[in-house]
Amino acid sequence: AMRMLGNGLGNAGHHEDALSVMEAELAMKRRIGAPENCILTVQGNIANSYQMLGRLEDALRVRREIYAQRLKLSGEEHPDTIRVAICYAMELIDSRRFRDAKALTRKAPSVARRVLGNTHEYTLTLRSIYAEALYKDDGATLEDLREAVTTIEELAPIARRVLGGAHPLTMAFEIDLRGSRAALRARETSV
């Protein structure tokens, strides 16, 4: 009931109220010794609320906790761990912590590829986040920019074929492709 209330408030744009309900739910679940999976789910909702409120540092802190806990609970090869790694990496990108995002997503795609396959949405997403961290970083080298463009050029047709042209991930790749190519062009002409 609390989760429904919290989600309903969040969906209605009442993020502060939703956050209060979710924090109460988290405290209750911890008090009664709820399973760790339930606690992690509530923490994920809290991180989403922080994000909606523009409290990026808080969102990042919670995502980091969730990722560390999920790693401990399930190991790096579990699909839930891979999913929370994606959430954490996206939070790092939003917070412009590109070095941390690159560190997190450098080896994660090979784990996802091994566990879920080369064309799984999680594998594609992790690879794209790595590329995004490369090209959005102000300190990106020409080599970084070229790697980002090459990676996204490889991912876009796979996403289109596997997920379809209207899928949000496919559309995000198109945006990243334009952005990474523009960053590369700008760097090449400034050299």
Foldseek 3Di string as FASTA:
>chain_A
DLQVVLVVCVVVVNLVVSLVSLVVVLVVCVVVVHDPVVNLVSLQSNLVSCVSVVVLVSSLVSLVVSLVVCCVVPNLLDPVNLVSLLVNLVSCVVVLVLVVSLVSLVCSLVSCCVRPNCLDPSSLSSLLSNLSSQLVRPPHDLVSLVSSLVSLVVSLVSCCVPVNCPDPVNVVSVVSNVSSVVSNVVVVVVD
